[in-house]
N, C-alpha and C. Protein backbone atom coordinates (compact mmCIF):
# COMPACT_ATOMS: atom_id res chain seq x y z
N MET A 1 0.85 -1.17 0.00
CA MET A 1 0.00 0.00 0.00
C MET A 1 0.90 1.23 0.00
N ASN A 2 0.67 2.17 -0.93
CA ASN A 2 1.52 3.35 -0.95
C ASN A 2 1.07 4.36 0.11
N GLU A 3 1.86 5.43 0.29
CA GLU A 3 1.60 6.37 1.37
C GLU A 3 0.24 7.06 1.23
N ASN A 4 -0.18 7.39 0.00
CA ASN A 4 -1.47 8.04 -0.21
C ASN A 4 -2.63 7.11 0.15
N GLN A 5 -2.51 5.85 -0.25
CA GLN A 5 -3.55 4.88 0.11
C GLN A 5 -3.61 4.67 1.61
N ALA A 6 -2.44 4.62 2.25
CA ALA A 6 -2.38 4.44 3.70
C ALA A 6 -3.02 5.63 4.41
N ALA A 7 -2.75 6.83 3.93
CA ALA A 7 -3.34 8.03 4.54
C ALA A 7 -4.86 8.03 4.37
N LEU A 8 -5.33 7.62 3.22
CA LEU A 8 -6.78 7.56 2.97
C LEU A 8 -7.42 6.49 3.85
N ALA A 9 -6.79 5.34 3.94
CA ALA A 9 -7.31 4.26 4.80
C ALA A 9 -7.34 4.72 6.26
N ARG A 10 -6.30 5.44 6.68
CA ARG A 10 -6.24 5.95 8.05
C ARG A 10 -7.37 6.94 8.30
N LYS A 11 -7.62 7.80 7.32
CA LYS A 11 -8.69 8.80 7.46
C LYS A 11 -10.06 8.11 7.55
N GLN A 12 -10.29 7.09 6.73
CA GLN A 12 -11.56 6.36 6.77
C GLN A 12 -11.73 5.63 8.10
N LEU A 13 -10.66 5.00 8.59
CA LEU A 13 -10.71 4.31 9.87
C LEU A 13 -10.97 5.31 11.00
N GLU A 14 -10.34 6.46 10.93
CA GLU A 14 -10.52 7.50 11.94
C GLU A 14 -11.98 7.95 12.01
N ARG A 15 -12.63 8.07 10.86
CA ARG A 15 -14.05 8.46 10.84
C ARG A 15 -14.90 7.44 11.58
N ARG A 16 -14.57 6.16 11.41
CA ARG A 16 -15.33 5.10 12.09
C ARG A 16 -15.00 5.03 13.58
N LEU A 17 -13.78 5.37 13.95
CA LEU A 17 -13.35 5.29 15.35
C LEU A 17 -13.77 6.49 16.19
N ALA A 18 -13.91 7.65 15.58
CA ALA A 18 -14.19 8.88 16.33
C ALA A 18 -15.40 8.76 17.26
N PRO A 19 -16.54 8.22 16.79
CA PRO A 19 -17.68 8.10 17.71
C PRO A 19 -17.39 7.15 18.88
N LEU A 20 -16.60 6.11 18.65
CA LEU A 20 -16.27 5.17 19.72
C LEU A 20 -15.38 5.83 20.76
N ARG A 21 -14.49 6.70 20.32
CA ARG A 21 -13.58 7.38 21.24
C ARG A 21 -14.37 8.27 22.19
N ALA A 22 -15.46 8.84 21.70
CA ALA A 22 -16.27 9.73 22.51
C ALA A 22 -17.12 8.98 23.55
N MET A 23 -17.32 7.67 23.32
CA MET A 23 -18.14 6.87 24.23
C MET A 23 -17.38 6.50 25.49
N THR A 24 -18.12 6.47 26.58
CA THR A 24 -17.56 5.91 27.80
C THR A 24 -18.48 4.75 28.18
N LEU A 25 -17.97 3.58 28.08
CA LEU A 25 -18.74 2.37 28.32
C LEU A 25 -18.15 1.65 29.52
N ALA A 26 -18.87 1.70 30.63
CA ALA A 26 -18.38 1.07 31.85
C ALA A 26 -18.78 -0.41 31.85
N VAL A 27 -17.81 -1.26 32.04
CA VAL A 27 -18.05 -2.70 32.11
C VAL A 27 -18.74 -3.00 33.44
N PRO A 28 -19.84 -3.77 33.41
CA PRO A 28 -20.49 -4.13 34.67
C PRO A 28 -19.50 -4.86 35.59
N PRO A 29 -19.58 -4.62 36.90
CA PRO A 29 -18.63 -5.25 37.83
C PRO A 29 -18.60 -6.77 37.74
N LYS A 30 -19.73 -7.39 37.43
CA LYS A 30 -19.79 -8.86 37.32
C LYS A 30 -19.45 -9.33 35.91
N GLY A 31 -19.18 -8.39 34.99
CA GLY A 31 -18.89 -8.75 33.61
C GLY A 31 -20.14 -8.70 32.76
N TRP A 32 -19.94 -8.64 31.46
CA TRP A 32 -21.06 -8.55 30.52
C TRP A 32 -21.88 -9.84 30.47
N ILE A 33 -21.22 -10.97 30.48
CA ILE A 33 -21.96 -12.24 30.34
C ILE A 33 -22.97 -12.38 31.47
N LYS A 34 -22.50 -12.24 32.69
CA LYS A 34 -23.39 -12.41 33.83
C LYS A 34 -24.47 -11.33 33.86
N ALA A 35 -24.09 -10.09 33.56
CA ALA A 35 -25.06 -8.98 33.58
C ALA A 35 -26.18 -9.21 32.56
N ILE A 36 -25.82 -9.60 31.35
CA ILE A 36 -26.83 -9.84 30.31
C ILE A 36 -27.64 -11.09 30.65
N ARG A 37 -26.95 -12.14 31.05
CA ARG A 37 -27.65 -13.39 31.40
C ARG A 37 -28.70 -13.14 32.48
N GLU A 38 -28.29 -12.44 33.54
CA GLU A 38 -29.24 -12.16 34.63
C GLU A 38 -30.36 -11.22 34.18
N SER A 39 -30.04 -10.25 33.35
CA SER A 39 -31.06 -9.33 32.84
C SER A 39 -32.09 -10.04 31.98
N LEU A 40 -31.65 -11.10 31.31
CA LEU A 40 -32.57 -11.90 30.49
C LEU A 40 -33.33 -12.93 31.33
N GLY A 41 -33.00 -13.04 32.61
CA GLY A 41 -33.64 -14.04 33.46
C GLY A 41 -33.20 -15.45 33.12
N MET A 42 -32.00 -15.56 32.58
CA MET A 42 -31.47 -16.85 32.15
C MET A 42 -30.56 -17.42 33.25
N THR A 43 -30.74 -18.67 33.59
CA THR A 43 -29.87 -19.30 34.58
C THR A 43 -28.56 -19.72 33.93
N ALA A 44 -27.59 -20.00 34.78
CA ALA A 44 -26.31 -20.49 34.28
C ALA A 44 -26.51 -21.82 33.55
N ARG A 45 -27.38 -22.66 34.06
CA ARG A 45 -27.68 -23.95 33.44
C ARG A 45 -28.28 -23.74 32.04
N GLN A 46 -29.19 -22.77 31.92
CA GLN A 46 -29.82 -22.49 30.62
C GLN A 46 -28.79 -21.95 29.62
N LEU A 47 -27.94 -21.06 30.09
CA LEU A 47 -26.89 -20.53 29.20
C LEU A 47 -25.96 -21.66 28.76
N ALA A 48 -25.60 -22.53 29.68
CA ALA A 48 -24.72 -23.65 29.36
C ALA A 48 -25.35 -24.52 28.27
N ALA A 49 -26.64 -24.79 28.41
CA ALA A 49 -27.33 -25.61 27.41
C ALA A 49 -27.31 -24.92 26.04
N ARG A 50 -27.51 -23.63 26.03
CA ARG A 50 -27.52 -22.89 24.76
C ARG A 50 -26.12 -22.81 24.14
N MET A 51 -25.09 -22.83 25.00
CA MET A 51 -23.71 -22.79 24.51
C MET A 51 -23.18 -24.17 24.19
N GLY A 52 -23.85 -25.19 24.69
CA GLY A 52 -23.37 -26.55 24.47
C GLY A 52 -22.18 -26.90 25.35
N VAL A 53 -22.17 -26.35 26.57
CA VAL A 53 -21.08 -26.65 27.51
C VAL A 53 -21.69 -27.17 28.81
N ALA A 54 -20.85 -27.72 29.65
CA ALA A 54 -21.31 -28.21 30.96
C ALA A 54 -21.72 -27.02 31.83
N PRO A 55 -22.76 -27.17 32.63
CA PRO A 55 -23.21 -26.07 33.50
C PRO A 55 -22.10 -25.53 34.42
N SER A 56 -21.19 -26.39 34.81
CA SER A 56 -20.10 -25.94 35.69
C SER A 56 -19.14 -24.97 34.99
N ARG A 57 -19.19 -24.91 33.66
CA ARG A 57 -18.30 -24.01 32.89
C ARG A 57 -18.74 -22.55 32.99
N ILE A 58 -20.04 -22.30 33.21
CA ILE A 58 -20.54 -20.92 33.16
C ILE A 58 -19.90 -20.04 34.25
N PRO A 59 -19.87 -20.46 35.52
CA PRO A 59 -19.19 -19.61 36.51
C PRO A 59 -17.71 -19.37 36.14
N ALA A 60 -17.06 -20.38 35.60
CA ALA A 60 -15.66 -20.22 35.19
C ALA A 60 -15.54 -19.24 34.04
N ILE A 61 -16.46 -19.32 33.09
CA ILE A 61 -16.46 -18.39 31.94
C ILE A 61 -16.70 -16.97 32.43
N GLU A 62 -17.68 -16.81 33.31
CA GLU A 62 -18.00 -15.48 33.83
C GLU A 62 -16.83 -14.90 34.63
N LYS A 63 -16.17 -15.73 35.41
CA LYS A 63 -15.02 -15.27 36.18
C LYS A 63 -13.85 -14.91 35.24
N ALA A 64 -13.64 -15.73 34.24
CA ALA A 64 -12.55 -15.47 33.28
C ALA A 64 -12.77 -14.15 32.55
N GLU A 65 -14.02 -13.83 32.25
CA GLU A 65 -14.30 -12.55 31.60
C GLU A 65 -13.90 -11.39 32.51
N VAL A 66 -14.28 -11.46 33.77
CA VAL A 66 -13.99 -10.39 34.72
C VAL A 66 -12.48 -10.23 34.93
N THR A 67 -11.75 -11.33 34.96
CA THR A 67 -10.30 -11.25 35.18
C THR A 67 -9.51 -10.99 33.90
N GLY A 68 -10.19 -11.02 32.75
CA GLY A 68 -9.50 -10.78 31.48
C GLY A 68 -8.83 -12.00 30.91
N ALA A 69 -9.20 -13.18 31.41
CA ALA A 69 -8.55 -14.42 30.98
C ALA A 69 -9.40 -15.21 29.99
N THR A 70 -10.47 -14.62 29.49
CA THR A 70 -11.35 -15.34 28.58
C THR A 70 -10.84 -15.25 27.15
N GLU A 71 -11.33 -16.13 26.30
CA GLU A 71 -10.96 -16.12 24.89
C GLU A 71 -12.08 -15.46 24.09
N LEU A 72 -11.71 -14.82 22.99
CA LEU A 72 -12.71 -14.21 22.12
C LEU A 72 -13.73 -15.23 21.64
N ARG A 73 -13.26 -16.41 21.34
CA ARG A 73 -14.15 -17.48 20.86
C ARG A 73 -15.25 -17.75 21.89
N THR A 74 -14.89 -17.80 23.17
CA THR A 74 -15.85 -18.04 24.24
C THR A 74 -16.82 -16.87 24.36
N LEU A 75 -16.31 -15.66 24.26
CA LEU A 75 -17.18 -14.48 24.32
C LEU A 75 -18.19 -14.48 23.17
N ARG A 76 -17.70 -14.83 21.97
CA ARG A 76 -18.61 -14.90 20.81
C ARG A 76 -19.69 -15.95 21.03
N GLN A 77 -19.29 -17.08 21.55
CA GLN A 77 -20.22 -18.19 21.80
C GLN A 77 -21.27 -17.78 22.84
N ALA A 78 -20.86 -17.13 23.91
CA ALA A 78 -21.79 -16.69 24.95
C ALA A 78 -22.72 -15.62 24.40
N ALA A 79 -22.18 -14.69 23.63
CA ALA A 79 -23.00 -13.63 23.05
C ALA A 79 -24.07 -14.23 22.15
N ALA A 80 -23.69 -15.14 21.29
CA ALA A 80 -24.65 -15.76 20.36
C ALA A 80 -25.73 -16.51 21.14
N ALA A 81 -25.34 -17.17 22.22
CA ALA A 81 -26.30 -17.95 23.02
C ALA A 81 -27.31 -17.05 23.72
N MET A 82 -26.98 -15.76 23.87
CA MET A 82 -27.90 -14.81 24.52
C MET A 82 -28.49 -13.83 23.51
N ASN A 83 -28.40 -14.16 22.23
CA ASN A 83 -28.94 -13.30 21.17
C ASN A 83 -28.27 -11.92 21.17
N CYS A 84 -26.98 -11.89 21.39
CA CYS A 84 -26.22 -10.65 21.42
C CYS A 84 -25.13 -10.70 20.35
N ALA A 85 -24.62 -9.55 20.04
CA ALA A 85 -23.46 -9.45 19.15
C ALA A 85 -22.27 -9.05 20.01
N LEU A 86 -21.14 -9.69 19.81
CA LEU A 86 -19.91 -9.30 20.50
C LEU A 86 -19.30 -8.15 19.70
N VAL A 87 -19.03 -7.06 20.36
CA VAL A 87 -18.40 -5.91 19.73
C VAL A 87 -16.97 -5.85 20.25
N TYR A 88 -16.01 -5.91 19.33
CA TYR A 88 -14.60 -5.96 19.69
C TYR A 88 -13.90 -4.89 18.87
N ALA A 89 -13.18 -4.00 19.53
CA ALA A 89 -12.49 -2.94 18.80
C ALA A 89 -11.32 -2.42 19.60
N PHE A 90 -10.30 -1.98 18.90
CA PHE A 90 -9.24 -1.19 19.50
C PHE A 90 -9.61 0.25 19.19
N VAL A 91 -9.72 1.08 20.20
CA VAL A 91 -10.10 2.47 20.00
C VAL A 91 -8.93 3.35 20.45
N PRO A 92 -8.24 3.95 19.49
CA PRO A 92 -7.12 4.81 19.86
C PRO A 92 -7.59 5.95 20.76
N ILE A 93 -6.80 6.29 21.74
CA ILE A 93 -7.16 7.32 22.71
C ILE A 93 -7.22 8.69 22.04
N GLU A 94 -6.41 8.88 21.04
CA GLU A 94 -6.41 10.13 20.30
C GLU A 94 -6.42 9.80 18.80
N PRO A 95 -6.68 10.80 17.94
CA PRO A 95 -6.70 10.52 16.50
C PRO A 95 -5.40 9.89 16.01
N LEU A 96 -5.53 8.99 15.04
CA LEU A 96 -4.38 8.26 14.51
C LEU A 96 -3.29 9.19 13.99
N ASP A 97 -3.67 10.26 13.29
CA ASP A 97 -2.67 11.20 12.78
C ASP A 97 -1.90 11.86 13.92
N ASP A 98 -2.58 12.13 15.04
CA ASP A 98 -1.90 12.72 16.19
C ASP A 98 -0.89 11.73 16.79
N ILE A 99 -1.27 10.46 16.85
CA ILE A 99 -0.36 9.43 17.36
C ILE A 99 0.88 9.36 16.48
N LEU A 100 0.67 9.37 15.17
CA LEU A 100 1.79 9.31 14.23
C LEU A 100 2.69 10.54 14.37
N ARG A 101 2.06 11.71 14.45
CA ARG A 101 2.84 12.95 14.57
C ARG A 101 3.65 12.96 15.88
N ASP A 102 3.04 12.51 16.98
CA ASP A 102 3.74 12.47 18.26
C ASP A 102 4.95 11.52 18.18
N ARG A 103 4.74 10.36 17.57
CA ARG A 103 5.85 9.39 17.45
C ARG A 103 6.95 9.95 16.54
N ALA A 104 6.56 10.58 15.44
CA ALA A 104 7.55 11.18 14.53
C ALA A 104 8.31 12.28 15.27
N MET A 105 7.62 13.03 16.12
CA MET A 105 8.27 14.09 16.88
C MET A 105 9.29 13.51 17.86
N GLN A 106 8.96 12.39 18.50
CA GLN A 106 9.89 11.74 19.42
C GLN A 106 11.17 11.33 18.69
N LYS A 107 10.96 10.72 17.51
CA LYS A 107 12.14 10.27 16.74
C LYS A 107 12.94 11.47 16.24
N ALA A 108 12.26 12.50 15.79
CA ALA A 108 12.95 13.69 15.28
C ALA A 108 13.74 14.37 16.40
N ARG A 109 13.16 14.44 17.61
CA ARG A 109 13.89 15.05 18.74
C ARG A 109 15.20 14.32 19.00
N LYS A 110 15.14 12.97 18.97
CA LYS A 110 16.36 12.19 19.19
C LYS A 110 17.38 12.46 18.09
N ASP A 111 16.91 12.46 16.85
CA ASP A 111 17.82 12.69 15.72
C ASP A 111 18.45 14.07 15.81
N VAL A 112 17.65 15.09 16.10
CA VAL A 112 18.16 16.46 16.17
C VAL A 112 19.07 16.63 17.38
N ALA A 113 18.75 15.94 18.49
CA ALA A 113 19.62 16.02 19.66
C ALA A 113 20.99 15.43 19.35
N ARG A 114 21.02 14.33 18.61
CA ARG A 114 22.31 13.73 18.21
C ARG A 114 23.07 14.70 17.30
N LEU A 115 22.35 15.30 16.35
CA LEU A 115 22.97 16.26 15.44
C LEU A 115 23.53 17.45 16.23
N ASP A 116 22.74 17.97 17.16
CA ASP A 116 23.17 19.10 17.97
C ASP A 116 24.41 18.74 18.79
N HIS A 117 24.39 17.55 19.37
CA HIS A 117 25.54 17.11 20.17
C HIS A 117 26.81 17.05 19.31
N THR A 118 26.68 16.47 18.14
CA THR A 118 27.82 16.36 17.22
C THR A 118 28.33 17.73 16.82
N MET A 119 27.41 18.62 16.49
CA MET A 119 27.81 19.96 16.06
C MET A 119 28.50 20.72 17.20
N ARG A 120 28.00 20.54 18.43
CA ARG A 120 28.62 21.20 19.59
C ARG A 120 30.04 20.68 19.81
N LEU A 121 30.23 19.36 19.64
CA LEU A 121 31.56 18.78 19.79
C LEU A 121 32.53 19.37 18.78
N GLU A 122 32.01 19.72 17.62
CA GLU A 122 32.83 20.30 16.56
C GLU A 122 32.85 21.83 16.65
N ASN A 123 32.33 22.33 17.79
CA ASN A 123 32.27 23.77 18.04
C ASN A 123 31.49 24.51 16.95
N GLN A 124 30.40 23.87 16.50
CA GLN A 124 29.55 24.46 15.47
C GLN A 124 28.09 24.43 15.94
N ALA A 125 27.87 24.86 17.16
CA ALA A 125 26.53 24.81 17.75
C ALA A 125 25.52 25.54 16.87
N LEU A 126 24.34 24.95 16.77
CA LEU A 126 23.26 25.55 15.98
C LEU A 126 22.37 26.40 16.87
N LEU A 127 21.72 27.37 16.27
CA LEU A 127 20.75 28.18 17.01
C LEU A 127 19.50 27.36 17.29
N LYS A 128 18.79 27.71 18.36
CA LYS A 128 17.56 27.00 18.71
C LYS A 128 16.57 27.05 17.54
N SER A 129 16.48 28.16 16.87
CA SER A 129 15.55 28.27 15.74
C SER A 129 15.93 27.30 14.62
N ASP A 130 17.24 27.11 14.42
CA ASP A 130 17.71 26.15 13.40
C ASP A 130 17.38 24.73 13.82
N LEU A 131 17.57 24.43 15.12
CA LEU A 131 17.24 23.10 15.63
C LEU A 131 15.74 22.82 15.50
N ASP A 132 14.93 23.82 15.84
CA ASP A 132 13.47 23.66 15.73
C ASP A 132 13.05 23.44 14.28
N ALA A 133 13.65 24.17 13.37
CA ALA A 133 13.32 24.03 11.95
C ALA A 133 13.75 22.64 11.45
N GLU A 134 14.92 22.18 11.89
CA GLU A 134 15.40 20.85 11.48
C GLU A 134 14.50 19.76 12.05
N GLN A 135 14.05 19.96 13.29
CA GLN A 135 13.16 18.99 13.91
C GLN A 135 11.85 18.91 13.11
N GLN A 136 11.28 20.05 12.72
CA GLN A 136 10.04 20.06 11.95
C GLN A 136 10.25 19.44 10.58
N ARG A 137 11.39 19.73 9.95
CA ARG A 137 11.70 19.14 8.65
C ARG A 137 11.79 17.62 8.76
N THR A 138 12.40 17.15 9.84
CA THR A 138 12.55 15.71 10.07
C THR A 138 11.19 15.06 10.28
N VAL A 139 10.32 15.69 11.07
CA VAL A 139 8.96 15.16 11.28
C VAL A 139 8.23 15.05 9.95
N ASP A 140 8.27 16.11 9.16
CA ASP A 140 7.60 16.10 7.86
C ASP A 140 8.16 15.02 6.95
N LEU A 141 9.47 14.84 6.97
CA LEU A 141 10.12 13.81 6.16
C LEU A 141 9.67 12.42 6.59
N ILE A 142 9.65 12.18 7.89
CA ILE A 142 9.22 10.88 8.42
C ILE A 142 7.79 10.58 8.00
N LEU A 143 6.91 11.57 8.17
CA LEU A 143 5.48 11.35 7.88
C LEU A 143 5.17 11.28 6.40
N SER A 144 6.05 11.79 5.56
CA SER A 144 5.79 11.76 4.12
C SER A 144 6.26 10.46 3.47
N GLY A 145 7.04 9.69 4.21
CA GLY A 145 7.58 8.44 3.66
C GLY A 145 6.87 7.23 4.23
N SER A 146 7.52 6.11 4.14
CA SER A 146 6.98 4.87 4.69
C SER A 146 7.01 4.96 6.21
N LEU A 147 5.94 4.48 6.83
CA LEU A 147 5.84 4.53 8.29
C LEU A 147 6.41 3.27 8.95
N ARG A 148 6.95 2.36 8.16
CA ARG A 148 7.42 1.08 8.69
C ARG A 148 8.44 1.23 9.81
N GLY A 149 9.38 2.11 9.67
CA GLY A 149 10.43 2.26 10.67
C GLY A 149 10.04 3.16 11.84
N LEU A 150 8.87 3.76 11.77
CA LEU A 150 8.45 4.71 12.79
C LEU A 150 8.39 4.10 14.18
N TRP A 151 8.04 2.84 14.26
CA TRP A 151 7.85 2.20 15.56
C TRP A 151 9.01 1.33 15.99
N ASP A 152 10.11 1.33 15.21
CA ASP A 152 11.30 0.59 15.62
C ASP A 152 11.90 1.29 16.83
N GLU A 153 12.24 0.50 17.82
CA GLU A 153 12.89 1.05 19.01
C GLU A 153 14.37 1.17 18.73
N GLU A 154 14.92 2.30 19.11
CA GLU A 154 16.35 2.52 18.90
C GLU A 154 17.10 2.11 20.14
N ARG A 155 18.21 1.49 19.96
CA ARG A 155 19.07 1.08 21.06
C ARG A 155 20.05 2.23 21.35
N ASP A 156 20.29 2.44 22.62
CA ASP A 156 21.30 3.45 22.97
C ASP A 156 22.66 2.89 22.61
N HIS A 157 23.46 3.72 22.02
CA HIS A 157 24.82 3.31 21.65
C HIS A 157 25.76 3.76 22.75
N ALA A 158 26.41 2.80 23.37
CA ALA A 158 27.32 3.15 24.47
C ALA A 158 28.73 3.33 24.00
C-alpha cells in the first residue's frame, strides 16, 4: 500500500473510530456475560445448554471474563447464546494522525539532539531556531515516507 492509500485508509478508519472514542462504556462489575444473562432471566444452566457446555463451565467463563482471561471465541459463543453481538475494537485514545505525529516528533527530537551534540563537539553549535526548523523538517520527512520504521525502538549506543 503506498503512502497516499495508507493516509486515505487511516482517514476512513478514523471516521469510524471517532464516535467510539467519545463513548464511555463502563463494564459491569460482574462482567457482561453475567449482567446480560441475569437481565434476560437466564440461569447459568440455561446458558450452558444454549452454549453446548457443561453447567459448571458458566461460573468459570464469567469469572474469566472479569479477570480478562477469557478467549474471544468463548465471548462470541456466549454472546450468540444470549442473542447478542460481540463488539470488539481497538479504540485509539487520540486521532491516529496525532499518534503518528507524536511518534515522529519523538524520533525527530532524538535525531536532532544527536545532530546538535555532534555539532557542539565540533564547536559548530546551531541556534535554537535552526534546531526547531530541522526537527520540523525531520517530522515532515518521516510522515511523508513509509511509516514502517516509525515504531522501531532505537538502542542506545554506548
